[in-house]
Amino acid sequence: MDIRKEIEELIALYSLEPNLKDVYVEGTFDKRLLEWFFGDQDISGVCVYTIDAINVPDDLLVRHGLNGGGNRSRIIALSNELSTHLPRDRCIVCIADRDQEDYLPSGHRNVYLEFTDYTSSDLYLFQQRILRKLIALVLGGFPLSAEELMHELMVVLEEVFLIRLSNMALEWNMQWIPFVRYVHINDHFIFTIDRFIKAYLQKNDRWNQREEFEQKRSELRAHLQDDPRRSIRGHDLIELLHYVVKKLKRSRRFGDTNTFQGAFTGCLEAKDIRDERLFQRLAEL
């Protein structure tokens, strides 16, 4: 059984070994992506760890005002602790998904904390060039061009993002329901949003508060970022795109979303991300 390191151990380690170059990320996908990037760019001596390797107790999250016990909160708490107890010159980066930071700021900032450029690491894949490669080499052709596919996905995913964000802004903590069953694939993707919202609110006994929910959704829509990658959710992108491929390219079977995500990520090249702010910071380690 793996033994997780204590934060006190890390502080002592970085105090004694100031030249260590370490990056902490939320999950396995992020770890594999960064390790591939460092290898491709011939950047040596950097170790990448998932936050599961570190013991970040719940009482520490409470102390830092971080709700829930998710990996994002644990990354932020770790960065806060390291920045409090270490000099500012250590080569440490703690990477948290941006998530809803543009709309509901966490208020956490420190020298060792970095947010992804977009809502999550998956959104680095949401580029026309990468979609064109997916269509040509992985799918062997597709009824929609990369440009058309990107547009159709964005229309649905922004609405889904707004629904999630409204729940968070209202602090209702509603249980999510699958959204792809409310998406119909024809010449265009039709998201029966009224049916989805009704089912979502009824599932959580909030139907009598639908006017409040719709008002919040309308307020938040006015603040959506211009870049769609900061107004859609990465996991929703993978889920919807996998669903669309199953519907429109039945000859290509990926089994599950994880397998599809792997094939999609394989279309990424280092040049697609090396100029992004986060990867420029990582390249300087």
C-alpha atoms as a PDB file:
ATOM      1  CA  MET A   1       0.000   0.000   0.000  1.00  0.00           C
ATOM      2  CA  ASP A   2       1.322   3.438  -0.945  1.00  0.00           C
ATOM      3  CA  ILE A   3       2.063   5.708   2.001  1.00  0.00           C
ATOM      4  CA  ARG A   4       1.143   9.320   1.429  1.00  0.00           C
ATOM      5  CA  LYS A   5       3.619  12.008   2.423  1.00  0.00           C
ATOM      6  CA  GLU A   6       2.745  14.513   5.102  1.00  0.00           C
ATOM      7  CA  ILE A   7       2.908  18.209   4.255  1.00  0.00           C
ATOM      8  CA  GLU A   8       5.374  18.716   7.105  1.00  0.00           C
ATOM      9  CA  GLU A   9       7.684  16.221   5.375  1.00  0.00           C
ATOM     10  CA  LEU A  10       7.495  18.201   2.138  1.00  0.00           C
ATOM     11  CA  ILE A  11       8.289  21.466   3.887  1.00  0.00           C
ATOM     12  CA  ALA A  12      11.337  19.881   5.536  1.00  0.00           C
ATOM     13  CA  LEU A  13      12.418  18.307   2.233  1.00  0.00           C
ATOM     14  CA  TYR A  14      12.207  21.554   0.236  1.00  0.00           C
ATOM     15  CA  SER A  15      14.002  23.412   3.035  1.00  0.00           C
ATOM     16  CA  LEU A  16      16.926  20.994   2.799  1.00  0.00           C
ATOM     17  CA  GLU A  17      16.806  20.465  -0.984  1.00  0.00           C
ATOM     18  CA  PRO A  18      16.062  23.876  -2.563  1.00  0.00           C
ATOM     19  CA  ASN A  19      16.925  22.684  -6.091  1.00  0.00           C
ATOM     20  CA  LEU A  20      14.180  20.052  -6.370  1.00  0.00           C
ATOM     21  CA  LYS A  21      11.753  20.657  -9.231  1.00  0.00           C
ATOM     22  CA  ASP A  22       8.297  19.259  -8.426  1.00  0.00           C
ATOM     23  CA  VAL A  23       4.822  19.703  -9.883  1.00  0.00           C
ATOM     24  CA  TYR A  24       1.597  18.655  -8.138  1.00  0.00           C
ATOM     25  CA  VAL A  25      -1.572  18.014 -10.143  1.00  0.00           C
ATOM     26  CA  GLU A  26      -5.133  16.902  -9.503  1.00  0.00           C
ATOM     27  CA  GLY A  27      -5.238  13.574 -11.311  1.00  0.00           C
ATOM     28  CA  THR A  28      -3.645  10.923 -13.496  1.00  0.00           C
ATOM     29  CA  PHE A  29      -4.586  12.559 -16.807  1.00  0.00           C
ATOM     30  CA  ASP A  30      -2.797  15.764 -15.812  1.00  0.00           C
ATOM     31  CA  LYS A  31       0.247  13.797 -14.640  1.00  0.00           C
ATOM     32  CA  ARG A  32       0.583  11.871 -17.889  1.00  0.00           C
ATOM     33  CA  LEU A  33       0.077  15.003 -19.975  1.00  0.00           C
ATOM     34  CA  LEU A  34       2.823  16.915 -18.173  1.00  0.00           C
ATOM     35  CA  GLU A  35       5.264  14.011 -18.134  1.00  0.00           C
ATOM     36  CA  TRP A  36       4.808  13.626 -21.898  1.00  0.00           C
ATOM     37  CA  PHE A  37       5.280  17.382 -22.411  1.00  0.00           C
ATOM     38  CA  PHE A  38       8.484  17.513 -20.358  1.00  0.00           C
ATOM     39  CA  GLY A  39       9.895  14.511 -22.238  1.00  0.00           C
ATOM     40  CA  ASP A  40       8.936  15.895 -25.646  1.00  0.00           C
ATOM     41  CA  GLN A  41      10.542  19.240 -24.854  1.00  0.00           C
ATOM     42  CA  ASP A  42      13.697  17.650 -23.368  1.00  0.00           C
ATOM     43  CA  ILE A  43      13.022  19.243 -19.980  1.00  0.00           C
ATOM     44  CA  SER A  44      14.711  17.002 -17.430  1.00  0.00           C
ATOM     45  CA  GLY A  45      14.753  16.800 -13.662  1.00  0.00           C
ATOM     46  CA  VAL A  46      11.090  17.652 -13.090  1.00  0.00           C
ATOM     47  CA  CYS A  47       8.928  15.198 -11.122  1.00  0.00           C
ATOM     48  CA  VAL A  48       5.132  15.222 -11.382  1.00  0.00           C
ATOM     49  CA  TYR A  49       2.925  13.944  -8.561  1.00  0.00           C
ATOM     50  CA  THR A  50      -0.825  13.629  -8.179  1.00  0.00           C
ATOM     51  CA  ILE A  51      -2.296  15.122  -5.023  1.00  0.00           C
ATOM     52  CA  ASP A  52      -3.264  11.589  -3.938  1.00  0.00           C
ATOM     53  CA  ALA A  53       0.411  11.128  -3.023  1.00  0.00           C
ATOM     54  CA  ILE A  54       0.065  13.779  -0.302  1.00  0.00           C
ATOM     55  CA  ASN A  55      -1.998  13.627   2.880  1.00  0.00           C
ATOM     56  CA  VAL A  56      -4.133  16.778   2.899  1.00  0.00           C
ATOM     57  CA  PRO A  57      -6.523  16.329   5.843  1.00  0.00           C
ATOM     58  CA  ASP A  58     -10.057  17.674   5.833  1.00  0.00           C
ATOM     59  CA  ASP A  59      -9.410  19.964   8.804  1.00  0.00           C
ATOM     60  CA  LEU A  60      -6.738  21.721   6.742  1.00  0.00           C
ATOM     61  CA  LEU A  61      -9.295  22.378   3.999  1.00  0.00           C
ATOM     62  CA  VAL A  62     -11.635  23.880   6.583  1.00  0.00           C
ATOM     63  CA  ARG A  63      -8.825  26.054   7.923  1.00  0.00           C
ATOM     64  CA  HIS A  64      -8.245  27.465   4.446  1.00  0.00           C
ATOM     65  CA  GLY A  65     -11.950  27.969   3.776  1.00  0.00           C
ATOM     66  CA  LEU A  66     -12.069  25.367   1.028  1.00  0.00           C
ATOM     67  CA  ASN A  67     -15.386  23.615   0.608  1.00  0.00           C
ATOM     68  CA  GLY A  68     -15.514  19.888  -0.021  1.00  0.00           C
ATOM     69  CA  GLY A  69     -12.706  17.386  -0.180  1.00  0.00           C
ATOM     70  CA  GLY A  70     -12.051  17.372  -3.906  1.00  0.00           C
ATOM     71  CA  ASN A  71      -8.595  17.233  -5.434  1.00  0.00           C
ATOM     72  CA  ARG A  72      -8.803  20.862  -6.541  1.00  0.00           C
ATOM     73  CA  SER A  73      -9.304  22.015  -2.960  1.00  0.00           C
ATOM     74  CA  ARG A  74      -6.433  19.808  -1.808  1.00  0.00           C
ATOM     75  CA  ILE A  75      -4.072  21.247  -4.426  1.00  0.00           C
ATOM     76  CA  ILE A  76      -4.942  24.789  -3.335  1.00  0.00           C
ATOM     77  CA  ALA A  77      -4.529  23.937   0.357  1.00  0.00           C
ATOM     78  CA  LEU A  78      -1.122  22.358  -0.335  1.00  0.00           C
ATOM     79  CA  SER A  79       0.046  25.433  -2.229  1.00  0.00           C
ATOM     80  CA  ASN A  80      -1.104  27.685   0.615  1.00  0.00           C
ATOM     81  CA  GLU A  81       0.842  25.665   3.162  1.00  0.00           C
ATOM     82  CA  LEU A  82       4.009  25.550   1.058  1.00  0.00           C
ATOM     83  CA  SER A  83       3.890  29.281   0.353  1.00  0.00           C
ATOM     84  CA  THR A  84       3.436  30.022   4.053  1.00  0.00           C
ATOM     85  CA  HIS A  85       6.378  27.943   5.252  1.00  0.00           C
ATOM     86  CA  LEU A  86       8.886  28.123   2.385  1.00  0.00           C
ATOM     87  CA  PRO A  87      10.858  30.892   0.660  1.00  0.00           C
ATOM     88  CA  ARG A  88       9.421  32.123  -2.639  1.00  0.00           C
ATOM     89  CA  ASP A  89      12.297  30.786  -4.744  1.00  0.00           C
ATOM     90  CA  ARG A  90      11.547  27.044  -4.696  1.00  0.00           C
ATOM     91  CA  CYS A  91      10.840  25.285  -8.027  1.00  0.00           C
ATOM     92  CA  ILE A  92       7.389  24.036  -7.062  1.00  0.00           C
ATOM     93  CA  VAL A  93       4.150  24.363  -9.004  1.00  0.00           C
ATOM     94  CA  CYS A  94       0.742  23.240  -7.712  1.00  0.00           C
ATOM     95  CA  ILE A  95      -1.718  23.151 -10.628  1.00  0.00           C
ATOM     96  CA  ALA A  96      -5.458  23.398  -9.993  1.00  0.00           C
ATOM     97  CA  ASP A  97      -8.192  23.348 -12.614  1.00  0.00           C
ATOM     98  CA  ARG A  98      -9.493  26.857 -13.285  1.00  0.00           C
ATOM     99  CA  ASP A  99     -13.060  25.509 -13.081  1.00  0.00           C
ATOM    100  CA  GLN A 100     -15.400  28.383 -12.149  1.00  0.00           C
ATOM    101  CA  GLU A 101     -12.593  30.720 -11.036  1.00  0.00           C
ATOM    102  CA  ASP A 102     -13.536  33.370 -13.626  1.00  0.00           C
ATOM    103  CA  TYR A 103     -17.067  33.564 -12.234  1.00  0.00           C
ATOM    104  CA  LEU A 104     -16.916  32.499  -8.582  1.00  0.00           C
ATOM    105  CA  PRO A 105     -13.345  33.351  -7.503  1.00  0.00           C
ATOM    106  CA  SER A 106     -11.910  31.248  -4.709  1.00  0.00           C
ATOM    107  CA  GLY A 107      -9.760  34.150  -3.511  1.00  0.00           C
ATOM    108  CA  HIS A 108      -6.701  31.909  -3.222  1.00  0.00           C
ATOM    109  CA  ARG A 109      -3.468  33.196  -4.756  1.00  0.00           C
ATOM    110  CA  ASN A 110       0.138  32.407  -3.894  1.00  0.00           C
ATOM    111  CA  VAL A 111       3.534  32.002  -5.538  1.00  0.00           C
ATOM    112  CA  TYR A 112       3.241  28.217  -5.865  1.00  0.00           C
ATOM    113  CA  LEU A 113      -0.338  28.032  -7.168  1.00  0.00           C
ATOM    114  CA  GLU A 114      -1.165  27.997 -10.875  1.00  0.00           C
ATOM    115  CA  PHE A 115      -4.551  27.554 -12.495  1.00  0.00           C
ATOM    116  CA  THR A 116      -4.979  25.893 -15.882  1.00  0.00           C
ATOM    117  CA  ASP A 117      -5.415  28.394 -18.712  1.00  0.00           C
ATOM    118  CA  TYR A 118      -8.895  27.018 -19.332  1.00  0.00           C
ATOM    119  CA  THR A 119     -11.437  25.350 -17.058  1.00  0.00           C
ATOM    120  CA  SER A 120      -9.445  22.086 -17.030  1.00  0.00           C
ATOM    121  CA  SER A 121      -6.577  20.317 -18.808  1.00  0.00           C
ATOM    122  CA  ASP A 122      -8.986  18.619 -21.254  1.00  0.00           C
ATOM    123  CA  LEU A 123      -9.725  22.010 -22.812  1.00  0.00           C
ATOM    124  CA  TYR A 124      -6.225  22.258 -24.286  1.00  0.00           C
ATOM    125  CA  LEU A 125      -7.607  19.718 -26.777  1.00  0.00           C
ATOM    126  CA  PHE A 126     -10.463  21.967 -27.892  1.00  0.00           C
ATOM    127  CA  GLN A 127      -8.758  23.413 -30.970  1.00  0.00           C
ATOM    128  CA  GLN A 128      -9.721  23.139 -34.623  1.00  0.00           C
ATOM    129  CA  ARG A 129      -6.327  21.736 -35.619  1.00  0.00           C
ATOM    130  CA  ILE A 130      -6.618  18.928 -33.078  1.00  0.00           C
ATOM    131  CA  LEU A 131     -10.215  18.182 -34.078  1.00  0.00           C
ATOM    132  CA  ARG A 132      -9.132  18.037 -37.730  1.00  0.00           C
ATOM    133  CA  LYS A 133      -6.482  15.462 -36.827  1.00  0.00           C
ATOM    134  CA  LEU A 134      -9.025  13.466 -34.813  1.00  0.00           C
ATOM    135  CA  ILE A 135     -11.420  13.423 -37.751  1.00  0.00           C
ATOM    136  CA  ALA A 136      -8.805  12.539 -40.379  1.00  0.00           C
ATOM    137  CA  LEU A 137      -6.637   9.977 -38.575  1.00  0.00           C
ATOM    138  CA  VAL A 138      -8.658   8.571 -35.671  1.00  0.00           C
ATOM    139  CA  LEU A 139     -12.185   8.634 -37.078  1.00  0.00           C
ATOM    140  CA  GLY A 140     -11.291   8.199 -40.738  1.00  0.00           C
ATOM    141  CA  GLY A 141     -13.647  10.951 -41.811  1.00  0.00           C
ATOM    142  CA  PHE A 142     -16.764  12.491 -40.269  1.00  0.00           C
ATOM    143  CA  PRO A 143     -20.043  14.064 -41.453  1.00  0.00           C
ATOM    144  CA  LEU A 144     -19.045  17.399 -39.907  1.00  0.00           C
ATOM    145  CA  SER A 145     -15.924  19.474 -40.479  1.00  0.00           C
ATOM    146  CA  ALA A 146     -13.785  20.406 -37.494  1.00  0.00           C
ATOM    147  CA  GLU A 147     -15.153  23.932 -37.607  1.00  0.00           C
ATOM    148  CA  GLU A 148     -18.774  22.734 -37.709  1.00  0.00           C
ATOM    149  CA  LEU A 149     -18.173  20.170 -34.973  1.00  0.00           C
ATOM    150  CA  MET A 150     -16.519  22.724 -32.704  1.00  0.00           C
ATOM    151  CA  HIS A 151     -19.428  25.134 -33.115  1.00  0.00           C
ATOM    152  CA  GLU A 152     -22.109  22.506 -32.468  1.00  0.00           C
ATOM    153  CA  LEU A 153     -20.306  21.239 -29.370  1.00  0.00           C
ATOM    154  CA  MET A 154     -19.816  24.739 -28.006  1.00  0.00           C
ATOM    155  CA  VAL A 155     -23.495  25.666 -28.286  1.00  0.00           C
ATOM    156  CA  VAL A 156     -24.528  22.717 -26.101  1.00  0.00           C
ATOM    157  CA  LEU A 157     -21.614  22.796 -23.685  1.00  0.00           C
ATOM    158  CA  GLU A 158     -21.969  26.474 -22.801  1.00  0.00           C
ATOM    159  CA  GLU A 159     -25.572  25.856 -21.770  1.00  0.00           C
ATOM    160  CA  VAL A 160     -24.537  22.880 -19.643  1.00  0.00           C
ATOM    161  CA  PHE A 161     -21.777  24.978 -18.059  1.00  0.00           C
ATOM    162  CA  LEU A 162     -24.274  27.724 -17.180  1.00  0.00           C
ATOM    163  CA  ILE A 163     -26.585  25.219 -15.522  1.00  0.00           C
ATOM    164  CA  ARG A 164     -23.758  23.820 -13.410  1.00  0.00           C
ATOM    165  CA  LEU A 165     -22.514  27.316 -12.572  1.00  0.00           C
ATOM    166  CA  SER A 166     -25.985  28.481 -11.528  1.00  0.00           C
ATOM    167  CA  ASN A 167     -26.236  25.602  -9.082  1.00  0.00           C
ATOM    168  CA  MET A 168     -22.874  26.537  -7.607  1.00  0.00           C
ATOM    169  CA  ALA A 169     -23.677  30.254  -7.414  1.00  0.00           C
ATOM    170  CA  LEU A 170     -26.953  29.510  -5.610  1.00  0.00           C
ATOM    171  CA  GLU A 171     -25.157  27.009  -3.339  1.00  0.00           C
ATOM    172  CA  TRP A 172     -27.938  24.472  -3.808  1.00  0.00           C
ATOM    173  CA  ASN A 173     -25.561  21.493  -4.062  1.00  0.00           C
ATOM    174  CA  MET A 174     -27.889  19.683  -6.435  1.00  0.00           C
ATOM    175  CA  GLN A 175     -27.208  16.147  -7.610  1.00  0.00           C
ATOM    176  CA  TRP A 176     -26.261  16.109 -11.310  1.00  0.00           C
ATOM    177  CA  ILE A 177     -28.090  14.094 -13.946  1.00  0.00           C
ATOM    178  CA  PRO A 178     -26.633  12.943 -17.323  1.00  0.00           C
ATOM    179  CA  PHE A 179     -27.178  15.603 -19.971  1.00  0.00           C
ATOM    180  CA  VAL A 180     -26.328  13.724 -23.187  1.00  0.00           C
ATOM    181  CA  ARG A 181     -29.663  11.905 -23.210  1.00  0.00           C
ATOM    182  CA  TYR A 182     -31.231  15.337 -23.810  1.00  0.00           C
ATOM    183  CA  VAL A 183     -29.020  16.006 -26.848  1.00  0.00           C
ATOM    184  CA  HIS A 184     -30.395  14.970 -30.249  1.00  0.00           C
ATOM    185  CA  ILE A 185     -28.020  14.615 -33.178  1.00  0.00           C
ATOM    186  CA  ASN A 186     -29.347  15.671 -36.605  1.00  0.00           C
ATOM    187  CA  ASP A 187     -27.954  18.285 -38.986  1.00  0.00           C
ATOM    188  CA  HIS A 188     -27.438  20.274 -35.801  1.00  0.00           C
ATOM    189  CA  PHE A 189     -27.115  19.262 -32.145  1.00  0.00           C
ATOM    190  CA  ILE A 190     -30.372  20.021 -30.377  1.00  0.00           C
ATOM    191  CA  PHE A 191     -30.186  20.290 -26.610  1.00  0.00           C
ATOM    192  CA  THR A 192     -33.692  20.138 -25.154  1.00  0.00           C
ATOM    193  CA  ILE A 193     -32.661  22.428 -22.373  1.00  0.00           C
ATOM    194  CA  ASP A 194     -36.121  23.066 -20.928  1.00  0.00           C
ATOM    195  CA  ARG A 195     -36.690  19.345 -20.456  1.00  0.00           C
ATOM    196  CA  PHE A 196     -33.262  18.929 -18.917  1.00  0.00           C
ATOM    197  CA  ILE A 197     -33.664  21.784 -16.444  1.00  0.00           C
ATOM    198  CA  LYS A 198     -37.106  20.526 -15.448  1.00  0.00           C
ATOM    199  CA  ALA A 199     -35.738  17.025 -14.818  1.00  0.00           C
ATOM    200  CA  TYR A 200     -32.712  18.432 -12.990  1.00  0.00           C
ATOM    201  CA  LEU A 201     -34.735  20.651 -10.667  1.00  0.00           C
ATOM    202  CA  GLN A 202     -37.389  18.020 -10.040  1.00  0.00           C
ATOM    203  CA  LYS A 203     -34.732  15.439  -9.222  1.00  0.00           C
ATOM    204  CA  ASN A 204     -33.497  17.785  -6.500  1.00  0.00           C
ATOM    205  CA  ASP A 205     -36.904  19.019  -5.270  1.00  0.00           C
ATOM    206  CA  ARG A 206     -36.233  22.535  -6.571  1.00  0.00           C
ATOM    207  CA  TRP A 207     -38.905  22.839  -9.266  1.00  0.00           C
ATOM    208  CA  ASN A 208     -40.843  25.386  -7.211  1.00  0.00           C
ATOM    209  CA  GLN A 209     -37.706  27.584  -7.305  1.00  0.00           C
ATOM    210  CA  ARG A 210     -37.293  27.478 -11.072  1.00  0.00           C
ATOM    211  CA  GLU A 211     -37.745  31.251 -11.490  1.00  0.00           C
ATOM    212  CA  GLU A 212     -34.859  31.928  -9.116  1.00  0.00           C
ATOM    213  CA  PHE A 213     -32.744  29.404 -11.001  1.00  0.00           C
ATOM    214  CA  GLU A 214     -33.549  30.935 -14.391  1.00  0.00           C
ATOM    215  CA  GLN A 215     -32.812  34.424 -13.103  1.00  0.00           C
ATOM    216  CA  LYS A 216     -29.392  33.323 -11.876  1.00  0.00           C
ATOM    217  CA  ARG A 217     -28.677  31.588 -15.188  1.00  0.00           C
ATOM    218  CA  SER A 218     -29.545  34.770 -17.063  1.00  0.00           C
ATOM    219  CA  GLU A 219     -27.291  36.865 -14.806  1.00  0.00           C
ATOM    220  CA  LEU A 220     -24.335  34.543 -15.278  1.00  0.00           C
ATOM    221  CA  ARG A 221     -24.770  34.337 -19.060  1.00  0.00           C
ATOM    222  CA  ALA A 222     -23.870  38.027 -19.323  1.00  0.00           C
ATOM    223  CA  HIS A 223     -20.468  37.276 -17.770  1.00  0.00           C
ATOM    224  CA  LEU A 224     -19.390  34.327 -19.930  1.00  0.00           C
ATOM    225  CA  GLN A 225     -15.800  34.594 -21.128  1.00  0.00           C
ATOM    226  CA  ASP A 226     -15.194  35.213 -24.836  1.00  0.00           C
ATOM    227  CA  ASP A 227     -12.927  32.170 -25.098  1.00  0.00           C
ATOM    228  CA  PRO A 228     -15.272  29.136 -25.037  1.00  0.00           C
ATOM    229  CA  ARG A 229     -12.602  27.071 -23.306  1.00  0.00           C
ATOM    230  CA  ARG A 230     -13.277  29.185 -20.211  1.00  0.00           C
ATOM    231  CA  SER A 231     -17.024  28.714 -20.429  1.00  0.00           C
ATOM    232  CA  ILE A 232     -17.345  24.953 -20.947  1.00  0.00           C
ATOM    233  CA  ARG A 233     -16.309  22.001 -18.798  1.00  0.00           C
ATOM    234  CA  GLY A 234     -13.635  19.543 -19.926  1.00  0.00           C
ATOM    235  CA  HIS A 235     -15.333  16.353 -18.768  1.00  0.00           C
ATOM    236  CA  ASP A 236     -18.553  17.485 -20.458  1.00  0.00           C
ATOM    237  CA  LEU A 237     -16.623  17.987 -23.713  1.00  0.00           C
ATOM    238  CA  ILE A 238     -15.234  14.447 -23.618  1.00  0.00           C
ATOM    239  CA  GLU A 239     -18.617  12.964 -22.697  1.00  0.00           C
ATOM    240  CA  LEU A 240     -20.531  14.795 -25.431  1.00  0.00           C
ATOM    241  CA  LEU A 241     -17.925  14.268 -28.151  1.00  0.00           C
ATOM    242  CA  HIS A 242     -17.783  10.555 -27.365  1.00  0.00           C
ATOM    243  CA  TYR A 243     -21.578  10.418 -27.577  1.00  0.00           C
ATOM    244  CA  VAL A 244     -21.576  12.266 -30.922  1.00  0.00           C
ATOM    245  CA  VAL A 245     -18.948   9.935 -32.374  1.00  0.00           C
ATOM    246  CA  LYS A 246     -20.989   6.888 -31.327  1.00  0.00           C
ATOM    247  CA  LYS A 247     -24.009   8.347 -33.106  1.00  0.00           C
ATOM    248  CA  LEU A 248     -22.353   9.598 -36.291  1.00  0.00           C
ATOM    249  CA  LYS A 249     -19.419   7.217 -36.737  1.00  0.00           C
ATOM    250  CA  ARG A 250     -20.683   3.814 -35.635  1.00  0.00           C
ATOM    251  CA  SER A 251     -17.759   2.015 -37.269  1.00  0.00           C
ATOM    252  CA  ARG A 252     -15.398   3.533 -34.698  1.00  0.00           C
ATOM    253  CA  ARG A 253     -15.814   2.051 -31.228  1.00  0.00           C
ATOM    254  CA  PHE A 254     -13.933   3.288 -28.191  1.00  0.00           C
ATOM    255  CA  GLY A 255     -15.657   1.373 -25.417  1.00  0.00           C
ATOM    256  CA  ASP A 256     -15.859   4.147 -22.846  1.00  0.00           C
ATOM    257  CA  THR A 257     -15.048   7.815 -22.386  1.00  0.00           C
ATOM    258  CA  ASN A 258     -11.614   7.084 -20.904  1.00  0.00           C
ATOM    259  CA  THR A 259     -10.572   5.157 -24.018  1.00  0.00           C
ATOM    260  CA  PHE A 260     -11.943   7.898 -26.245  1.00  0.00           C
ATOM    261  CA  GLN A 261     -10.154  10.572 -24.207  1.00  0.00           C
ATOM    262  CA  GLY A 262      -6.887   8.704 -24.756  1.00  0.00           C
ATOM    263  CA  ALA A 263      -7.403   8.617 -28.528  1.00  0.00           C
ATOM    264  CA  PHE A 264      -8.345  12.303 -28.558  1.00  0.00           C
ATOM    265  CA  THR A 265      -5.331  13.295 -26.457  1.00  0.00           C
ATOM    266  CA  GLY A 266      -3.080  11.397 -28.857  1.00  0.00           C
ATOM    267  CA  CYS A 267      -3.903  14.065 -31.455  1.00  0.00           C
ATOM    268  CA  LEU A 268      -2.206  16.706 -29.318  1.00  0.00           C
ATOM    269  CA  GLU A 269       1.265  17.972 -30.231  1.00  0.00           C
ATOM    270  CA  ALA A 270       3.587  19.952 -27.988  1.00  0.00           C
ATOM    271  CA  LYS A 271       3.399  22.953 -30.317  1.00  0.00           C
ATOM    272  CA  ASP A 272      -0.325  23.160 -29.543  1.00  0.00           C
ATOM    273  CA  ILE A 273       0.318  23.987 -25.898  1.00  0.00           C
ATOM    274  CA  ARG A 274       3.898  25.193 -25.411  1.00  0.00           C
ATOM    275  CA  ASP A 275       2.942  28.862 -25.865  1.00  0.00           C
ATOM    276  CA  GLU A 276       0.140  28.693 -23.293  1.00  0.00           C
ATOM    277  CA  ARG A 277       0.844  30.672 -20.115  1.00  0.00           C
ATOM    278  CA  LEU A 278       0.885  27.592 -17.843  1.00  0.00           C
ATOM    279  CA  PHE A 279       3.248  25.603 -20.046  1.00  0.00           C
ATOM    280  CA  GLN A 280       5.582  28.564 -20.416  1.00  0.00           C
ATOM    281  CA  ARG A 281       5.805  28.662 -16.619  1.00  0.00           C
ATOM    282  CA  LEU A 282       6.485  24.926 -16.475  1.00  0.00           C
ATOM    283  CA  ALA A 283       9.182  25.173 -19.135  1.00  0.00           C
ATOM    284  CA  GLU A 284      11.055  27.631 -16.907  1.00  0.00           C
ATOM    285  CA  LEU A 285      11.428  25.173 -14.027  1.00  0.00           C
END
